[in-house]
Amino acid sequence: MTIQLPDSKGGLRAYEPRPEPFAVTTGTPFTSRTVFSAAHVVADPFADTSPDSAAAVDWDATLAFRRHLWSHGLGVAEAMDTAQRGMGLDWAGAAELIRRSSAEAKAVGGLIACGVGTDQITGGTLADVRAAYEEQLALVEASGAQAILMASRALAAVAKGPEDYLEVYGHLLRQATEPVVLHWLGPMFDPALEGYWGSSDLDAATDTFLDVIAAHPDKVDGIKVSLLEAQREIDIRRRLPQGVRCYTGDDFNYPELIAGDEQGFSHALLGIFDPLGPLAAEAVRVLDTGNAAGFRELLDPTVELSRHLFQKPTRFYKTGVVFLAWLAGHQTHFTMVGGLQSARSLPHFARAYELADGLGLFPDPKLAEERMKNLLALYGVTQ
């Protein structure tokens, strides 16, 4: 059986779906790397909402997806940008997500870390930014989860230079109860973060970032770098204080960064490990045996899909992530918070389906094919 998919020239081409999924197994916890999947939220498709209204989340389906990730040994990075933080999910929704997911993690023994930001404010002074961060940090710590200090649009807007970043982050690190993860999210993911750390010159910004860590190494568990520049991440990784980890957030170059080199390696905190969860877990277990070549053999072929989902405008990668979750049967619909399912084109979806199917990511290939045909029919494509 074949399916007619749109091609790049406005026509149709025949594609033959893969008959069987990639065979994955659950197993022992990872030993060589700490791996988080930044998980998406499942919208409530029956809520009477508009793009301007508060997010309506299907909590049962959202938590079920987190249990799916935990069952494969992955940690969950909660309330990050993959969960549409700042793109449909407001602070009230993120706070509820953090509380519910943290409680679920305790119940099943899952690893969880949660995003701490300032999205309850849109502007103000440095004092307002500190207070917003403090409110979110207190909630995450009270939930029992590890904190991830996310980049702040409000701080980027009000900071006059590197010294303001040093002051705000120093204040937060001094009061953090447990070591946190610092997250540097590049402007390709959020244009409002241009010039973060006080400079659009990445070398200068890197120096400030490392100064923050050097001043409080005991309060920094690790860093997540999302700049899509492999060599820059490697250079930063080699300059970290002893004991501070690097969690790659590079959805273009993650296999080589996780595999590492003779001078070190990166752990992982990745949005692409939402759709890749079971396959990524299988690859890390191979790496745990010391078989780096086998790890790359499994994970390298996934990069084409990741680069496709994260193509410009990169911030809309969430649409592809949720689309694949629907095709894989993790949710019953393709609806997103804020109507973001409209952010990508039909040819984009068709290519995402083809690449994911080729990797065997769909537990039920027939279901994925049927749902893809349903979507095509909505666009007027008959089979």
Foldseek 3Di string as FASTA:
>chain_A
DWDWAADPVRGTDTDDFDQAFDDFDADDAFDQFAAEAAAEFAFDPPDPDALPDATHGPVVLRLVLCVVLVRRNHAYEAPDCLNVDVHQHAPVNSLVRLLVNLVSCVVVVGAYEYEAEQRVDDEDELVSRLVSSVVRLVSNVVSVHAYEYEDYLHCLVHDQALVSVLVSLLVVLVPRPAAHEYEDADCLQPVSCQCPSGGNPVVNSLVSVQVSCVVRVRRHQEYEYAPLDLVVLVVSQLVHDPRYAYAYANLQPQLDQQLDDPRDHHHHYYNVCSLVSRLLSRLSVCVSVVCSVSSCVSCVLCNVLSCLLCPPSNNLSSLLSLLSCCLQPSDVDSADRSRSVPVDDSNSNSVNLSSCSVSSSRNRSVSSSVVNQVVVVVVVDDD
